[in-house]
Amino acid sequence: MKIHTSILLLLVLLGCQSEPAKETRPNILFILVDDLGKEWVSCYGAADIQTPNIDQLAASGQKFHNVYSMPQCTPSRLTFLTGQYPFRHGWINHWDVPRWGGGAHYDEQLNPSLGKEMKKAGYQTAIAGKWQIDDFRVEPDALTRNGFEEYCMWTGYETGIPASAERYQNPYIYTNSGSKTFKVWTIKNY
């Protein structure tokens, strides 16, 4: 009896000495959508609108039911980027920096940046969409200073560059290789 107990204890100890499991971090995909109310998404109760792809993302991710939201795109983006309320980061109204300028600029030294924090945590970072809080003609490294390794952003309407006014069909975008018009392929349903 005593021998069997010793063998069992030895097997348990051997099992505990296996190599530690590799650390796994979740992939994080955050989608910020302008002008979308939860009443337009079926997983939040929309009765007459079907959003199966969003519903599938929600089923495998995290749904929020109580949030603070600013009803304008620029303050909403800055709030997410900094984790601060608009009265703290100072962007309380929509302001299209490339179009209106006026000395507005997102100061990543003054405010925290989600991209920088994610990089510090060991994540690879990318951002796509619209920025409008810096003028890439003046600050071409704004996105990398904010911690984003890859990017594909609509520049915002850049005064003097008519092509930059387009963001839906053939948008004018800023990537790691500079600004250019991106040709959109459309698929027609027959």
N, C-alpha and C. Protein backbone atom coordinates (compact mmCIF):
# COMPACT_ATOMS: atom_id res chain seq x y z
N MET A 1 0.82 -1.19 0.00
CA MET A 1 0.00 0.00 0.00
C MET A 1 0.86 1.25 0.00
N LYS A 2 1.89 1.24 0.81
CA LYS A 2 2.77 2.39 0.89
C LYS A 2 3.50 2.61 -0.43
N ILE A 3 3.88 1.58 -1.13
CA ILE A 3 4.57 1.68 -2.42
C ILE A 3 3.65 2.33 -3.44
N HIS A 4 2.41 1.91 -3.50
CA HIS A 4 1.46 2.47 -4.47
C HIS A 4 1.25 3.97 -4.25
N THR A 5 1.20 4.40 -3.00
CA THR A 5 1.03 5.81 -2.69
C THR A 5 2.24 6.60 -3.18
N SER A 6 3.43 6.06 -3.00
CA SER A 6 4.64 6.75 -3.45
C SER A 6 4.66 6.86 -4.97
N ILE A 7 4.28 5.81 -5.67
CA ILE A 7 4.25 5.85 -7.14
C ILE A 7 3.23 6.88 -7.62
N LEU A 8 2.08 6.92 -6.99
CA LEU A 8 1.05 7.89 -7.36
C LEU A 8 1.56 9.31 -7.15
N LEU A 9 2.21 9.56 -6.02
CA LEU A 9 2.76 10.88 -5.72
C LEU A 9 3.83 11.25 -6.74
N LEU A 10 4.67 10.31 -7.12
CA LEU A 10 5.71 10.54 -8.12
C LEU A 10 5.07 10.90 -9.47
N LEU A 11 4.02 10.20 -9.85
CA LEU A 11 3.35 10.50 -11.12
C LEU A 11 2.73 11.90 -11.08
N VAL A 12 2.14 12.29 -9.98
CA VAL A 12 1.55 13.62 -9.84
C VAL A 12 2.63 14.68 -9.96
N LEU A 13 3.77 14.49 -9.28
CA LEU A 13 4.87 15.45 -9.35
C LEU A 13 5.44 15.53 -10.76
N LEU A 14 5.58 14.42 -11.44
CA LEU A 14 6.07 14.44 -12.81
C LEU A 14 5.11 15.21 -13.71
N GLY A 15 3.82 15.04 -13.48
CA GLY A 15 2.82 15.77 -14.26
C GLY A 15 2.91 17.27 -14.04
N CYS A 16 3.29 17.70 -12.85
CA CYS A 16 3.40 19.13 -12.54
C CYS A 16 4.65 19.75 -13.13
N GLN A 17 5.61 18.94 -13.52
CA GLN A 17 6.86 19.49 -14.03
C GLN A 17 6.87 19.67 -15.54
N SER A 18 5.76 19.51 -16.19
CA SER A 18 5.73 19.71 -17.64
C SER A 18 5.97 21.17 -17.96
N GLU A 19 6.34 21.46 -19.21
CA GLU A 19 6.62 22.84 -19.62
C GLU A 19 5.38 23.71 -19.43
N PRO A 20 5.60 24.95 -19.01
CA PRO A 20 4.44 25.84 -18.85
C PRO A 20 3.78 26.13 -20.19
N ALA A 21 2.48 26.29 -20.16
CA ALA A 21 1.73 26.58 -21.39
C ALA A 21 2.13 27.96 -21.90
N LYS A 22 2.19 28.09 -23.21
CA LYS A 22 2.50 29.39 -23.80
C LYS A 22 1.38 30.37 -23.49
N GLU A 23 1.78 31.60 -23.24
CA GLU A 23 0.79 32.64 -22.96
C GLU A 23 0.00 32.92 -24.23
N THR A 24 -1.29 32.93 -24.10
CA THR A 24 -2.12 33.27 -25.24
C THR A 24 -2.92 34.52 -24.90
N ARG A 25 -2.92 35.45 -25.81
CA ARG A 25 -3.68 36.68 -25.63
C ARG A 25 -4.82 36.66 -26.64
N PRO A 26 -5.91 37.25 -26.26
CA PRO A 26 -7.02 37.29 -27.23
C PRO A 26 -6.70 38.28 -28.35
N ASN A 27 -7.20 37.97 -29.52
CA ASN A 27 -7.17 38.96 -30.59
C ASN A 27 -8.25 39.98 -30.26
N ILE A 28 -7.97 41.23 -30.49
CA ILE A 28 -8.94 42.28 -30.17
C ILE A 28 -9.28 43.02 -31.45
N LEU A 29 -10.55 43.05 -31.76
CA LEU A 29 -11.05 43.80 -32.90
C LEU A 29 -12.13 44.72 -32.38
N PHE A 30 -11.91 46.01 -32.46
CA PHE A 30 -12.90 46.97 -32.00
C PHE A 30 -13.43 47.71 -33.20
N ILE A 31 -14.74 47.72 -33.36
CA ILE A 31 -15.38 48.40 -34.49
C ILE A 31 -16.18 49.56 -33.94
N LEU A 32 -15.80 50.76 -34.34
CA LEU A 32 -16.52 51.97 -33.95
C LEU A 32 -17.26 52.45 -35.20
N VAL A 33 -18.57 52.52 -35.10
CA VAL A 33 -19.39 52.87 -36.25
C VAL A 33 -20.09 54.20 -36.00
N ASP A 34 -19.92 55.14 -36.93
CA ASP A 34 -20.61 56.41 -36.84
C ASP A 34 -22.09 56.22 -37.19
N ASP A 35 -22.94 56.94 -36.51
CA ASP A 35 -24.36 57.03 -36.85
C ASP A 35 -25.07 55.68 -36.86
N LEU A 36 -24.76 54.80 -35.93
CA LEU A 36 -25.43 53.51 -35.84
C LEU A 36 -26.01 53.38 -34.44
N GLY A 37 -27.32 53.29 -34.38
CA GLY A 37 -27.98 53.08 -33.09
C GLY A 37 -28.17 51.60 -32.84
N LYS A 38 -28.22 51.21 -31.57
CA LYS A 38 -28.38 49.79 -31.27
C LYS A 38 -29.73 49.26 -31.75
N GLU A 39 -30.69 50.16 -31.97
CA GLU A 39 -32.00 49.73 -32.48
C GLU A 39 -31.93 49.29 -33.95
N TRP A 40 -30.76 49.41 -34.56
CA TRP A 40 -30.58 48.99 -35.95
C TRP A 40 -29.79 47.69 -36.07
N VAL A 41 -29.53 47.03 -34.94
CA VAL A 41 -28.75 45.80 -34.93
C VAL A 41 -29.60 44.70 -34.32
N SER A 42 -29.78 43.59 -35.05
CA SER A 42 -30.72 42.57 -34.60
C SER A 42 -30.33 41.90 -33.28
N CYS A 43 -29.04 41.75 -32.99
CA CYS A 43 -28.66 41.11 -31.71
C CYS A 43 -28.98 42.00 -30.52
N TYR A 44 -29.28 43.27 -30.75
CA TYR A 44 -29.71 44.17 -29.68
C TYR A 44 -31.22 44.39 -29.70
N GLY A 45 -31.93 43.63 -30.53
CA GLY A 45 -33.38 43.69 -30.49
C GLY A 45 -34.07 44.32 -31.69
N ALA A 46 -33.34 44.72 -32.73
CA ALA A 46 -33.99 45.27 -33.91
C ALA A 46 -34.89 44.21 -34.51
N ALA A 47 -36.17 44.52 -34.66
CA ALA A 47 -37.14 43.54 -35.15
C ALA A 47 -37.20 43.49 -36.67
N ASP A 48 -37.00 44.61 -37.33
CA ASP A 48 -37.18 44.65 -38.78
C ASP A 48 -35.87 44.76 -39.56
N ILE A 49 -34.73 44.66 -38.90
CA ILE A 49 -33.43 44.73 -39.56
C ILE A 49 -32.64 43.49 -39.16
N GLN A 50 -32.10 42.80 -40.14
CA GLN A 50 -31.30 41.61 -39.87
C GLN A 50 -29.82 41.95 -40.10
N THR A 51 -29.00 41.69 -39.10
CA THR A 51 -27.56 41.93 -39.18
C THR A 51 -26.81 40.66 -38.78
N PRO A 52 -26.87 39.61 -39.61
CA PRO A 52 -26.30 38.32 -39.21
C PRO A 52 -24.80 38.34 -38.96
N ASN A 53 -24.04 39.11 -39.71
CA ASN A 53 -22.60 39.14 -39.50
C ASN A 53 -22.24 39.84 -38.19
N ILE A 54 -22.91 40.94 -37.89
CA ILE A 54 -22.69 41.62 -36.61
C ILE A 54 -23.15 40.71 -35.47
N ASP A 55 -24.27 40.04 -35.65
CA ASP A 55 -24.78 39.12 -34.63
C ASP A 55 -23.77 38.00 -34.34
N GLN A 56 -23.13 37.49 -35.39
CA GLN A 56 -22.14 36.43 -35.22
C GLN A 56 -20.92 36.94 -34.45
N LEU A 57 -20.46 38.17 -34.78
CA LEU A 57 -19.37 38.77 -34.02
C LEU A 57 -19.75 38.93 -32.55
N ALA A 58 -20.96 39.40 -32.30
CA ALA A 58 -21.43 39.62 -30.93
C ALA A 58 -21.52 38.30 -30.17
N ALA A 59 -21.94 37.24 -30.84
CA ALA A 59 -22.07 35.94 -30.17
C ALA A 59 -20.72 35.37 -29.75
N SER A 60 -19.66 35.71 -30.49
CA SER A 60 -18.34 35.17 -30.16
C SER A 60 -17.46 36.19 -29.45
N GLY A 61 -18.01 37.36 -29.15
CA GLY A 61 -17.22 38.41 -28.51
C GLY A 61 -17.90 38.98 -27.29
N GLN A 62 -17.77 40.25 -27.11
CA GLN A 62 -18.32 40.95 -25.95
C GLN A 62 -19.35 41.96 -26.41
N LYS A 63 -20.53 41.91 -25.82
CA LYS A 63 -21.58 42.90 -26.08
C LYS A 63 -21.66 43.83 -24.89
N PHE A 64 -21.83 45.11 -25.16
CA PHE A 64 -21.97 46.09 -24.10
C PHE A 64 -23.41 46.58 -24.07
N HIS A 65 -23.94 46.75 -22.88
CA HIS A 65 -25.33 47.18 -22.73
C HIS A 65 -25.46 48.55 -22.07
N ASN A 66 -24.38 49.04 -21.52
CA ASN A 66 -24.44 50.32 -20.84
C ASN A 66 -23.15 51.06 -21.16
N VAL A 67 -23.23 52.07 -22.01
CA VAL A 67 -22.03 52.79 -22.43
C VAL A 67 -22.31 54.29 -22.46
N TYR A 68 -21.24 55.05 -22.42
CA TYR A 68 -21.31 56.48 -22.63
C TYR A 68 -20.93 56.72 -24.07
N SER A 69 -21.69 57.51 -24.78
CA SER A 69 -21.38 57.77 -26.18
C SER A 69 -21.57 59.25 -26.48
N MET A 70 -20.65 59.79 -27.23
CA MET A 70 -20.74 61.18 -27.68
C MET A 70 -21.43 61.15 -29.04
N PRO A 71 -22.39 62.01 -29.30
CA PRO A 71 -23.14 61.92 -30.55
C PRO A 71 -22.43 62.52 -31.75
N GLN A 72 -21.13 62.66 -31.71
CA GLN A 72 -20.36 63.16 -32.84
C GLN A 72 -19.13 62.28 -33.03
N CYS A 73 -18.70 62.17 -34.30
CA CYS A 73 -17.65 61.20 -34.60
C CYS A 73 -16.28 61.55 -34.02
N THR A 74 -15.83 62.79 -34.13
CA THR A 74 -14.48 63.12 -33.64
C THR A 74 -14.36 62.90 -32.14
N PRO A 75 -15.25 63.45 -31.31
CA PRO A 75 -15.12 63.19 -29.87
C PRO A 75 -15.24 61.70 -29.52
N SER A 76 -16.06 60.96 -30.26
CA SER A 76 -16.20 59.52 -29.99
C SER A 76 -14.89 58.79 -30.25
N ARG A 77 -14.24 59.10 -31.36
CA ARG A 77 -12.97 58.45 -31.67
C ARG A 77 -11.91 58.80 -30.64
N LEU A 78 -11.84 60.07 -30.24
CA LEU A 78 -10.84 60.47 -29.24
C LEU A 78 -11.12 59.84 -27.89
N THR A 79 -12.38 59.70 -27.54
CA THR A 79 -12.73 59.06 -26.27
C THR A 79 -12.27 57.61 -26.27
N PHE A 80 -12.49 56.91 -27.36
CA PHE A 80 -12.02 55.53 -27.43
C PHE A 80 -10.49 55.47 -27.45
N LEU A 81 -9.86 56.32 -28.23
CA LEU A 81 -8.40 56.32 -28.37
C LEU A 81 -7.70 56.62 -27.05
N THR A 82 -8.27 57.53 -26.24
CA THR A 82 -7.61 57.96 -25.01
C THR A 82 -8.16 57.31 -23.75
N GLY A 83 -9.38 56.78 -23.81
CA GLY A 83 -10.02 56.28 -22.61
C GLY A 83 -10.49 57.40 -21.69
N GLN A 84 -10.58 58.61 -22.22
CA GLN A 84 -10.98 59.78 -21.43
C GLN A 84 -12.29 60.36 -21.95
N TYR A 85 -13.02 60.99 -21.06
CA TYR A 85 -14.21 61.72 -21.46
C TYR A 85 -13.80 62.95 -22.27
N PRO A 86 -14.69 63.43 -23.15
CA PRO A 86 -14.37 64.60 -23.96
C PRO A 86 -13.92 65.83 -23.16
N PHE A 87 -14.49 66.06 -22.00
CA PHE A 87 -14.07 67.25 -21.24
C PHE A 87 -12.63 67.11 -20.75
N ARG A 88 -12.08 65.88 -20.73
CA ARG A 88 -10.68 65.69 -20.34
C ARG A 88 -9.74 65.82 -21.54
N HIS A 89 -10.08 65.19 -22.67
CA HIS A 89 -9.17 65.26 -23.83
C HIS A 89 -9.38 66.51 -24.66
N GLY A 90 -10.46 67.24 -24.44
CA GLY A 90 -10.65 68.54 -25.07
C GLY A 90 -11.37 68.55 -26.41
N TRP A 91 -11.66 67.42 -26.98
CA TRP A 91 -12.34 67.35 -28.27
C TRP A 91 -13.84 67.17 -27.99
N ILE A 92 -14.56 68.26 -27.90
CA ILE A 92 -15.97 68.20 -27.53
C ILE A 92 -16.92 68.41 -28.70
N ASN A 93 -16.38 68.71 -29.86
CA ASN A 93 -17.18 68.87 -31.08
C ASN A 93 -16.46 68.21 -32.24
N HIS A 94 -17.22 67.96 -33.30
CA HIS A 94 -16.60 67.43 -34.52
C HIS A 94 -15.68 68.50 -35.10
N TRP A 95 -14.48 68.09 -35.45
CA TRP A 95 -13.54 69.02 -36.06
C TRP A 95 -12.72 68.24 -37.07
N ASP A 96 -12.84 68.59 -38.34
CA ASP A 96 -12.11 67.93 -39.42
C ASP A 96 -10.80 68.69 -39.63
N VAL A 97 -9.73 68.26 -38.95
CA VAL A 97 -8.46 68.98 -38.97
C VAL A 97 -7.92 69.21 -40.38
N PRO A 98 -7.90 68.19 -41.27
CA PRO A 98 -7.35 68.45 -42.60
C PRO A 98 -8.12 69.52 -43.38
N ARG A 99 -9.39 69.67 -43.11
CA ARG A 99 -10.20 70.65 -43.82
C ARG A 99 -10.13 72.03 -43.16
N TRP A 100 -10.32 72.05 -41.85
CA TRP A 100 -10.47 73.33 -41.16
C TRP A 100 -9.21 73.77 -40.42
N GLY A 101 -8.30 72.83 -40.15
CA GLY A 101 -7.04 73.19 -39.50
C GLY A 101 -7.24 73.94 -38.20
N GLY A 102 -6.90 75.21 -38.23
CA GLY A 102 -7.06 76.05 -37.05
C GLY A 102 -6.12 75.67 -35.92
N GLY A 103 -5.03 74.99 -36.23
CA GLY A 103 -4.07 74.62 -35.20
C GLY A 103 -4.47 73.41 -34.38
N ALA A 104 -5.61 72.81 -34.69
CA ALA A 104 -6.04 71.62 -33.95
C ALA A 104 -5.09 70.46 -34.26
N HIS A 105 -4.80 69.68 -33.23
CA HIS A 105 -3.87 68.57 -33.36
C HIS A 105 -4.05 67.67 -32.15
N TYR A 106 -4.03 66.38 -32.37
CA TYR A 106 -4.09 65.44 -31.26
C TYR A 106 -2.68 65.29 -30.71
N ASP A 107 -2.50 65.61 -29.46
CA ASP A 107 -1.19 65.56 -28.83
C ASP A 107 -1.04 64.25 -28.06
N GLU A 108 -0.35 63.31 -28.68
CA GLU A 108 -0.18 61.99 -28.06
C GLU A 108 0.76 62.03 -26.86
N GLN A 109 1.50 63.11 -26.67
CA GLN A 109 2.33 63.25 -25.48
C GLN A 109 1.49 63.67 -24.27
N LEU A 110 0.46 64.48 -24.54
CA LEU A 110 -0.42 64.98 -23.48
C LEU A 110 -1.48 63.95 -23.09
N ASN A 111 -1.99 63.22 -24.09
CA ASN A 111 -3.07 62.25 -23.87
C ASN A 111 -2.57 60.83 -24.11
N PRO A 112 -3.12 59.87 -23.40
CA PRO A 112 -2.74 58.48 -23.67
C PRO A 112 -3.23 58.05 -25.04
N SER A 113 -2.67 56.99 -25.55
CA SER A 113 -3.08 56.47 -26.86
C SER A 113 -3.24 54.96 -26.76
N LEU A 114 -4.40 54.46 -27.16
CA LEU A 114 -4.67 53.03 -27.13
C LEU A 114 -3.63 52.25 -27.93
N GLY A 115 -3.26 52.76 -29.09
CA GLY A 115 -2.27 52.08 -29.93
C GLY A 115 -0.94 51.89 -29.20
N LYS A 116 -0.47 52.93 -28.53
CA LYS A 116 0.79 52.84 -27.79
C LYS A 116 0.68 51.85 -26.64
N GLU A 117 -0.43 51.88 -25.93
CA GLU A 117 -0.62 50.96 -24.80
C GLU A 117 -0.70 49.51 -25.27
N MET A 118 -1.35 49.26 -26.40
CA MET A 118 -1.45 47.89 -26.92
C MET A 118 -0.07 47.40 -27.35
N LYS A 119 0.72 48.26 -27.96
CA LYS A 119 2.08 47.87 -28.34
C LYS A 119 2.92 47.54 -27.11
N LYS A 120 2.80 48.36 -26.05
CA LYS A 120 3.53 48.07 -24.81
C LYS A 120 3.15 46.70 -24.25
N ALA A 121 1.91 46.29 -24.47
CA ALA A 121 1.43 44.99 -23.98
C ALA A 121 1.82 43.84 -24.91
N GLY A 122 2.55 44.16 -25.99
CA GLY A 122 3.04 43.12 -26.89
C GLY A 122 2.16 42.82 -28.09
N TYR A 123 1.14 43.61 -28.31
CA TYR A 123 0.25 43.39 -29.45
C TYR A 123 0.82 44.02 -30.72
N GLN A 124 0.48 43.44 -31.86
CA GLN A 124 0.67 44.10 -33.14
C GLN A 124 -0.55 44.97 -33.35
N THR A 125 -0.35 46.16 -33.92
CA THR A 125 -1.45 47.11 -33.99
C THR A 125 -1.71 47.56 -35.42
N ALA A 126 -2.97 47.77 -35.73
CA ALA A 126 -3.40 48.29 -37.03
C ALA A 126 -4.66 49.09 -36.81
N ILE A 127 -4.88 50.06 -37.67
CA ILE A 127 -6.08 50.89 -37.60
C ILE A 127 -6.55 51.17 -39.02
N ALA A 128 -7.86 51.20 -39.20
CA ALA A 128 -8.44 51.51 -40.50
C ALA A 128 -9.70 52.32 -40.26
N GLY A 129 -10.01 53.20 -41.18
CA GLY A 129 -11.22 54.01 -41.06
C GLY A 129 -10.96 55.46 -41.34
N LYS A 130 -11.37 56.31 -40.41
CA LYS A 130 -11.09 57.74 -40.57
C LYS A 130 -10.46 58.27 -39.31
N TRP A 131 -9.62 59.26 -39.45
CA TRP A 131 -8.85 59.81 -38.34
C TRP A 131 -9.28 61.24 -38.07
N GLN A 132 -9.04 62.14 -38.97
CA GLN A 132 -9.47 63.54 -38.93
C GLN A 132 -8.95 64.35 -37.76
N ILE A 133 -8.04 63.82 -36.95
CA ILE A 133 -7.57 64.58 -35.79
C ILE A 133 -6.14 65.06 -35.95
N ASP A 134 -5.55 64.77 -37.07
CA ASP A 134 -4.26 65.32 -37.48
C ASP A 134 -4.30 65.45 -38.99
N ASP A 135 -3.48 66.32 -39.52
CA ASP A 135 -3.36 66.47 -40.97
C ASP A 135 -2.11 65.71 -41.38
N PHE A 136 -2.27 64.62 -42.13
CA PHE A 136 -1.14 63.77 -42.50
C PHE A 136 -0.14 64.50 -43.39
N ARG A 137 -0.56 65.57 -44.05
CA ARG A 137 0.38 66.36 -44.85
C ARG A 137 1.36 67.09 -43.94
N VAL A 138 0.90 67.48 -42.77
CA VAL A 138 1.72 68.19 -41.79
C VAL A 138 2.43 67.21 -40.86
N GLU A 139 1.73 66.16 -40.48
CA GLU A 139 2.26 65.16 -39.54
C GLU A 139 2.15 63.76 -40.15
N PRO A 140 3.03 63.43 -41.10
CA PRO A 140 2.92 62.12 -41.75
C PRO A 140 3.16 60.94 -40.81
N ASP A 141 3.76 61.17 -39.66
CA ASP A 141 4.03 60.08 -38.72
C ASP A 141 3.04 60.04 -37.56
N ALA A 142 1.92 60.72 -37.68
CA ALA A 142 0.94 60.80 -36.57
C ALA A 142 0.48 59.42 -36.13
N LEU A 143 0.22 58.53 -37.05
CA LEU A 143 -0.30 57.20 -36.68
C LEU A 143 0.77 56.34 -36.02
N THR A 144 1.99 56.38 -36.53
CA THR A 144 3.05 55.59 -35.90
C THR A 144 3.39 56.16 -34.52
N ARG A 145 3.34 57.48 -34.35
CA ARG A 145 3.57 58.07 -33.02
C ARG A 145 2.49 57.63 -32.03
N ASN A 146 1.32 57.28 -32.55
CA ASN A 146 0.23 56.81 -31.70
C ASN A 146 0.22 55.30 -31.55
N GLY A 147 1.27 54.63 -32.04
CA GLY A 147 1.43 53.21 -31.79
C GLY A 147 0.87 52.28 -32.84
N PHE A 148 0.44 52.79 -33.98
CA PHE A 148 -0.13 51.92 -35.01
C PHE A 148 0.93 51.56 -36.04
N GLU A 149 1.14 50.25 -36.20
CA GLU A 149 2.16 49.76 -37.12
C GLU A 149 1.66 49.76 -38.57
N GLU A 150 0.42 49.42 -38.74
CA GLU A 150 -0.21 49.38 -40.07
C GLU A 150 -1.42 50.29 -40.04
N TYR A 151 -1.70 50.92 -41.17
CA TYR A 151 -2.88 51.79 -41.21
C TYR A 151 -3.37 51.98 -42.64
N CYS A 152 -4.66 52.20 -42.72
CA CYS A 152 -5.35 52.49 -43.97
C CYS A 152 -6.50 53.42 -43.58
N MET A 153 -6.27 54.71 -43.71
CA MET A 153 -7.20 55.70 -43.16
C MET A 153 -7.67 56.68 -44.23
N TRP A 154 -8.95 57.02 -44.17
CA TRP A 154 -9.42 58.16 -44.97
C TRP A 154 -8.83 59.38 -44.31
N THR A 155 -8.25 60.26 -45.10
CA THR A 155 -7.52 61.40 -44.55
C THR A 155 -8.43 62.45 -43.94
N GLY A 156 -9.68 62.46 -44.34
CA GLY A 156 -10.53 63.61 -44.07
C GLY A 156 -10.36 64.51 -45.28
N TYR A 157 -11.27 65.40 -45.49
CA TYR A 157 -11.14 66.27 -46.66
C TYR A 157 -9.95 67.20 -46.46
N GLU A 158 -8.94 67.04 -47.32
CA GLU A 158 -7.75 67.88 -47.26
C GLU A 158 -7.96 69.08 -48.17
N THR A 159 -8.04 70.26 -47.58
CA THR A 159 -8.25 71.48 -48.36
C THR A 159 -7.24 71.53 -49.50
N GLY A 160 -7.75 71.80 -50.70
CA GLY A 160 -6.89 71.91 -51.88
C GLY A 160 -6.69 70.59 -52.61
N ILE A 161 -7.18 69.49 -52.08
CA ILE A 161 -7.04 68.18 -52.75
C ILE A 161 -8.44 67.62 -52.95
N PRO A 162 -9.08 67.94 -54.10
CA PRO A 162 -10.46 67.52 -54.34
C PRO A 162 -10.68 66.01 -54.20
N ALA A 163 -9.71 65.19 -54.59
CA ALA A 163 -9.88 63.73 -54.49
C ALA A 163 -10.09 63.29 -53.05
N SER A 164 -9.59 64.06 -52.09
CA SER A 164 -9.71 63.65 -50.69
C SER A 164 -11.11 63.83 -50.13
N ALA A 165 -11.98 64.50 -50.85
CA ALA A 165 -13.37 64.66 -50.41
C ALA A 165 -14.14 63.35 -50.53
N GLU A 166 -13.64 62.45 -51.36
CA GLU A 166 -14.33 61.17 -51.59
C GLU A 166 -13.86 60.13 -50.58
N ARG A 167 -14.83 59.50 -49.91
CA ARG A 167 -14.46 58.44 -48.98
C ARG A 167 -15.24 57.16 -49.19
N TYR A 168 -16.21 57.15 -50.09
CA TYR A 168 -16.99 55.94 -50.30
C TYR A 168 -16.61 55.25 -51.61
N GLN A 169 -16.83 55.89 -52.72
CA GLN A 169 -16.43 55.32 -54.02
C GLN A 169 -15.06 55.88 -54.36
N ASN A 170 -14.09 55.02 -54.54
CA ASN A 170 -12.72 55.40 -54.85
C ASN A 170 -12.17 56.37 -53.81
N PRO A 171 -12.12 55.97 -52.56
CA PRO A 171 -11.69 56.88 -51.49
C PRO A 171 -10.22 57.26 -51.58
N TYR A 172 -9.94 58.42 -51.05
CA TYR A 172 -8.57 58.91 -50.93
C TYR A 172 -8.09 58.50 -49.55
N ILE A 173 -7.11 57.61 -49.51
CA ILE A 173 -6.69 57.04 -48.23
C ILE A 173 -5.21 57.27 -47.97
N TYR A 174 -4.86 57.16 -46.71
CA TYR A 174 -3.48 57.29 -46.26
C TYR A 174 -3.04 55.94 -45.72
N THR A 175 -1.97 55.40 -46.28
CA THR A 175 -1.44 54.11 -45.86
C THR A 175 0.02 54.27 -45.46
N ASN A 176 0.65 53.17 -45.10
CA ASN A 176 2.07 53.21 -44.76
C ASN A 176 2.91 53.73 -45.92
N SER A 177 2.40 53.66 -47.13
CA SER A 177 3.16 54.14 -48.29
C SER A 177 2.70 55.50 -48.79
N GLY A 178 1.86 56.20 -48.04
CA GLY A 178 1.44 57.56 -48.41
C GLY A 178 -0.02 57.63 -48.81
N SER A 179 -0.43 58.81 -49.31
CA SER A 179 -1.83 59.06 -49.71
C SER A 179 -2.05 58.70 -51.16
N LYS A 180 -3.21 58.12 -51.44
CA LYS A 180 -3.55 57.76 -52.82
C LYS A 180 -5.04 57.48 -52.91
N THR A 181 -5.54 57.49 -54.13
CA THR A 181 -6.92 57.11 -54.38
C THR A 181 -6.96 55.60 -54.51
N PHE A 182 -7.87 54.98 -53.79
CA PHE A 182 -8.03 53.53 -53.79
C PHE A 182 -9.23 53.20 -54.65
N LYS A 183 -9.05 52.41 -55.64
CA LYS A 183 -10.14 52.03 -56.54
C LYS A 183 -10.96 50.91 -55.90
N VAL A 184 -12.24 51.18 -55.73
CA VAL A 184 -13.14 50.21 -55.11
C VAL A 184 -13.78 49.36 -56.19
N TRP A 185 -13.74 48.07 -55.98
CA TRP A 185 -14.40 47.13 -56.87
C TRP A 185 -15.82 46.92 -56.35
N THR A 186 -16.77 46.97 -57.21
CA THR A 186 -18.14 46.71 -56.78
C THR A 186 -18.64 45.43 -57.43
N ILE A 187 -19.46 44.71 -56.73
CA ILE A 187 -20.05 43.47 -57.23
C ILE A 187 -21.54 43.74 -57.37
N LYS A 188 -22.05 43.51 -58.54
CA LYS A 188 -23.48 43.71 -58.77
C LYS A 188 -24.21 42.39 -58.57
N ASN A 189 -25.36 42.47 -57.95
CA ASN A 189 -26.20 41.28 -57.79
C ASN A 189 -27.06 41.11 -59.03
N TYR A 190 -27.04 39.93 -59.59
CA TYR A 190 -27.86 39.65 -60.78
C TYR A 190 -28.93 38.66 -60.45
